[in-house]
Amino acid sequence: MDAETVIIHARFAPNGTIVEISERPAGLDPQDWFNFLSYQAADSYQALAGGRGVFRLTRAAVDAFKTEATAKAA
């Protein structure tokens, strides 16, 4: 795995909503951040067992997504 790769971990509740997700910008709730990433980077998502999943993105992409998501939330 490349040193530039960031793994964003997501944890789901039994009803399918997001309980926790890493790299979340201030001002966004976990579900909004997951939805944003799902629309922008669906091809980098991997579902895991136990109600979890990960996005594998570059640091540059994560920083750009954070900036864009924060601007849209304002």
N, C-alpha and C. Protein backbone atom coordinates (compact mmCIF):
# COMPACT_ATOMS: atom_id res chain seq x y z
N MET A 1 0.85 -1.18 0.00
CA MET A 1 0.00 0.00 0.00
C MET A 1 0.89 1.24 0.00
N ASP A 2 0.52 2.20 -0.76
CA ASP A 2 1.26 3.45 -0.92
C ASP A 2 1.15 4.31 0.34
N ALA A 3 2.21 5.02 0.67
CA ALA A 3 2.21 5.90 1.85
C ALA A 3 1.24 7.05 1.70
N GLU A 4 0.86 7.39 0.47
CA GLU A 4 -0.07 8.48 0.20
C GLU A 4 -1.52 8.04 0.34
N THR A 5 -1.78 6.76 0.50
CA THR A 5 -3.14 6.25 0.58
C THR A 5 -3.72 6.47 1.97
N VAL A 6 -4.93 6.99 2.01
CA VAL A 6 -5.67 7.21 3.25
C VAL A 6 -6.83 6.24 3.26
N ILE A 7 -7.01 5.54 4.35
CA ILE A 7 -8.15 4.62 4.49
C ILE A 7 -9.15 5.27 5.43
N ILE A 8 -10.33 5.53 4.90
CA ILE A 8 -11.41 6.12 5.68
C ILE A 8 -12.34 4.98 6.11
N HIS A 9 -12.40 4.76 7.41
CA HIS A 9 -13.21 3.68 7.96
C HIS A 9 -14.62 4.18 8.28
N ALA A 10 -15.61 3.37 7.93
CA ALA A 10 -17.01 3.70 8.24
C ALA A 10 -17.62 2.53 9.02
N ARG A 11 -18.44 2.88 10.00
CA ARG A 11 -19.14 1.85 10.79
C ARG A 11 -20.63 2.14 10.72
N PHE A 12 -21.40 1.12 10.40
CA PHE A 12 -22.84 1.24 10.23
C PHE A 12 -23.61 0.76 11.45
N ALA A 13 -24.77 1.36 11.68
CA ALA A 13 -25.72 0.88 12.69
C ALA A 13 -26.52 -0.27 12.04
N PRO A 14 -27.21 -1.07 12.83
CA PRO A 14 -28.02 -2.15 12.26
C PRO A 14 -29.06 -1.68 11.24
N ASN A 15 -29.51 -0.43 11.34
CA ASN A 15 -30.51 0.06 10.39
C ASN A 15 -29.89 0.64 9.11
N GLY A 16 -28.56 0.57 8.98
CA GLY A 16 -27.88 1.01 7.77
C GLY A 16 -27.37 2.43 7.79
N THR A 17 -27.63 3.18 8.85
CA THR A 17 -27.09 4.53 8.93
C THR A 17 -25.66 4.48 9.43
N ILE A 18 -24.92 5.54 9.16
CA ILE A 18 -23.52 5.62 9.58
C ILE A 18 -23.42 6.09 11.03
N VAL A 19 -22.68 5.35 11.83
CA VAL A 19 -22.47 5.70 13.23
C VAL A 19 -21.17 6.48 13.38
N GLU A 20 -20.11 6.00 12.73
CA GLU A 20 -18.79 6.63 12.79
C GLU A 20 -18.14 6.55 11.42
N ILE A 21 -17.37 7.60 11.10
CA ILE A 21 -16.57 7.59 9.88
C ILE A 21 -15.36 8.50 10.11
N SER A 22 -14.21 8.05 9.68
CA SER A 22 -12.99 8.82 9.92
C SER A 22 -12.81 9.94 8.90
N GLU A 23 -11.88 10.83 9.21
CA GLU A 23 -11.52 11.97 8.34
C GLU A 23 -12.70 12.91 8.10
N ARG A 24 -13.69 12.90 9.01
CA ARG A 24 -14.89 13.72 8.82
C ARG A 24 -14.59 15.18 9.12
N PRO A 25 -14.95 16.07 8.18
CA PRO A 25 -14.75 17.50 8.43
C PRO A 25 -15.68 18.02 9.52
N ALA A 26 -15.24 19.03 10.23
CA ALA A 26 -16.09 19.66 11.23
C ALA A 26 -17.31 20.24 10.54
N GLY A 27 -18.46 20.11 11.17
CA GLY A 27 -19.67 20.67 10.60
C GLY A 27 -20.50 19.68 9.80
N LEU A 28 -19.97 18.50 9.54
CA LEU A 28 -20.73 17.47 8.83
C LEU A 28 -21.02 16.32 9.78
N ASP A 29 -22.24 15.81 9.73
CA ASP A 29 -22.49 14.63 10.54
C ASP A 29 -21.99 13.40 9.77
N PRO A 30 -21.83 12.27 10.45
CA PRO A 30 -21.25 11.09 9.80
C PRO A 30 -22.00 10.65 8.54
N GLN A 31 -23.32 10.70 8.56
CA GLN A 31 -24.10 10.25 7.41
C GLN A 31 -23.87 11.16 6.20
N ASP A 32 -23.80 12.47 6.44
CA ASP A 32 -23.56 13.42 5.33
C ASP A 32 -22.19 13.21 4.70
N TRP A 33 -21.17 12.95 5.52
CA TRP A 33 -19.83 12.71 5.00
C TRP A 33 -19.79 11.42 4.19
N PHE A 34 -20.43 10.38 4.68
CA PHE A 34 -20.49 9.12 3.94
C PHE A 34 -21.22 9.32 2.62
N ASN A 35 -22.36 10.01 2.64
CA ASN A 35 -23.11 10.25 1.41
C ASN A 35 -22.27 11.03 0.40
N PHE A 36 -21.57 12.05 0.86
CA PHE A 36 -20.72 12.84 -0.01
C PHE A 36 -19.65 11.96 -0.66
N LEU A 37 -18.96 11.18 0.16
CA LEU A 37 -17.92 10.30 -0.38
C LEU A 37 -18.50 9.25 -1.33
N SER A 38 -19.68 8.77 -1.03
CA SER A 38 -20.31 7.78 -1.90
C SER A 38 -20.60 8.34 -3.28
N TYR A 39 -21.01 9.59 -3.34
CA TYR A 39 -21.28 10.23 -4.64
C TYR A 39 -19.99 10.58 -5.38
N GLN A 40 -18.96 10.97 -4.65
CA GLN A 40 -17.72 11.42 -5.27
C GLN A 40 -16.72 10.30 -5.54
N ALA A 41 -16.72 9.26 -4.73
CA ALA A 41 -15.66 8.24 -4.82
C ALA A 41 -16.20 6.83 -4.61
N ALA A 42 -17.33 6.53 -5.19
CA ALA A 42 -17.96 5.22 -4.99
C ALA A 42 -17.05 4.07 -5.43
N ASP A 43 -16.23 4.30 -6.45
CA ASP A 43 -15.37 3.23 -6.96
C ASP A 43 -14.21 2.89 -6.02
N SER A 44 -14.00 3.70 -5.00
CA SER A 44 -12.92 3.41 -4.05
C SER A 44 -13.45 2.83 -2.74
N TYR A 45 -14.73 2.49 -2.69
CA TYR A 45 -15.35 1.95 -1.47
C TYR A 45 -15.30 0.43 -1.49
N GLN A 46 -15.05 -0.14 -0.32
CA GLN A 46 -15.08 -1.59 -0.16
C GLN A 46 -15.90 -1.92 1.07
N ALA A 47 -16.96 -2.71 0.89
CA ALA A 47 -17.76 -3.16 2.02
C ALA A 47 -17.01 -4.26 2.76
N LEU A 48 -17.10 -4.24 4.08
CA LEU A 48 -16.47 -5.25 4.91
C LEU A 48 -17.53 -5.92 5.78
N ALA A 49 -17.19 -7.01 6.40
CA ALA A 49 -18.11 -7.71 7.29
C ALA A 49 -18.32 -6.93 8.58
N GLY A 50 -19.40 -7.23 9.26
CA GLY A 50 -19.65 -6.65 10.57
C GLY A 50 -20.12 -5.22 10.56
N GLY A 51 -20.78 -4.80 9.48
CA GLY A 51 -21.30 -3.44 9.42
C GLY A 51 -20.23 -2.38 9.28
N ARG A 52 -19.20 -2.69 8.50
CA ARG A 52 -18.10 -1.75 8.30
C ARG A 52 -17.79 -1.63 6.82
N GLY A 53 -17.03 -0.61 6.48
CA GLY A 53 -16.56 -0.42 5.12
C GLY A 53 -15.43 0.58 5.11
N VAL A 54 -14.69 0.65 4.00
CA VAL A 54 -13.58 1.58 3.88
C VAL A 54 -13.56 2.23 2.51
N PHE A 55 -13.13 3.47 2.48
CA PHE A 55 -12.77 4.16 1.25
C PHE A 55 -11.26 4.22 1.22
N ARG A 56 -10.65 3.91 0.09
CA ARG A 56 -9.20 4.03 -0.08
C ARG A 56 -8.95 5.15 -1.08
N LEU A 57 -8.40 6.25 -0.58
CA LEU A 57 -8.20 7.45 -1.38
C LEU A 57 -6.81 8.01 -1.16
N THR A 58 -6.37 8.86 -2.06
CA THR A 58 -5.10 9.56 -1.86
C THR A 58 -5.33 10.70 -0.87
N ARG A 59 -4.27 11.14 -0.24
CA ARG A 59 -4.35 12.26 0.71
C ARG A 59 -4.87 13.51 0.00
N ALA A 60 -4.41 13.74 -1.23
CA ALA A 60 -4.84 14.91 -1.99
C ALA A 60 -6.35 14.87 -2.25
N ALA A 61 -6.87 13.69 -2.59
CA ALA A 61 -8.30 13.56 -2.85
C ALA A 61 -9.10 13.80 -1.57
N VAL A 62 -8.65 13.26 -0.46
CA VAL A 62 -9.35 13.45 0.82
C VAL A 62 -9.39 14.93 1.18
N ASP A 63 -8.27 15.60 1.06
CA ASP A 63 -8.22 17.03 1.39
C ASP A 63 -9.14 17.84 0.48
N ALA A 64 -9.17 17.50 -0.81
CA ALA A 64 -10.05 18.21 -1.75
C ALA A 64 -11.52 17.93 -1.41
N PHE A 65 -11.84 16.68 -1.09
CA PHE A 65 -13.22 16.34 -0.73
C PHE A 65 -13.65 17.04 0.55
N LYS A 66 -12.76 17.14 1.52
CA LYS A 66 -13.08 17.83 2.77
C LYS A 66 -13.42 19.30 2.49
N THR A 67 -12.60 19.94 1.67
CA THR A 67 -12.82 21.34 1.33
C THR A 67 -14.15 21.52 0.62
N GLU A 68 -14.42 20.67 -0.36
CA GLU A 68 -15.66 20.76 -1.12
C GLU A 68 -16.88 20.47 -0.26
N ALA A 69 -16.81 19.45 0.57
CA ALA A 69 -17.95 19.10 1.42
C ALA A 69 -18.24 20.19 2.44
N THR A 70 -17.19 20.79 2.99
CA THR A 70 -17.38 21.86 3.97
C THR A 70 -18.01 23.08 3.30
N ALA A 71 -17.59 23.39 2.09
CA ALA A 71 -18.16 24.54 1.36
C ALA A 71 -19.63 24.31 1.05
N LYS A 72 -20.00 23.08 0.67
CA LYS A 72 -21.40 22.78 0.35
C LYS A 72 -22.27 22.78 1.60
N ALA A 73 -21.69 22.42 2.75
CA ALA A 73 -22.46 22.34 3.99
C ALA A 73 -22.72 23.74 4.56
N ALA A 74 -21.91 24.69 4.20
CA ALA A 74 -22.05 26.06 4.75
C ALA A 74 -23.21 26.82 4.17
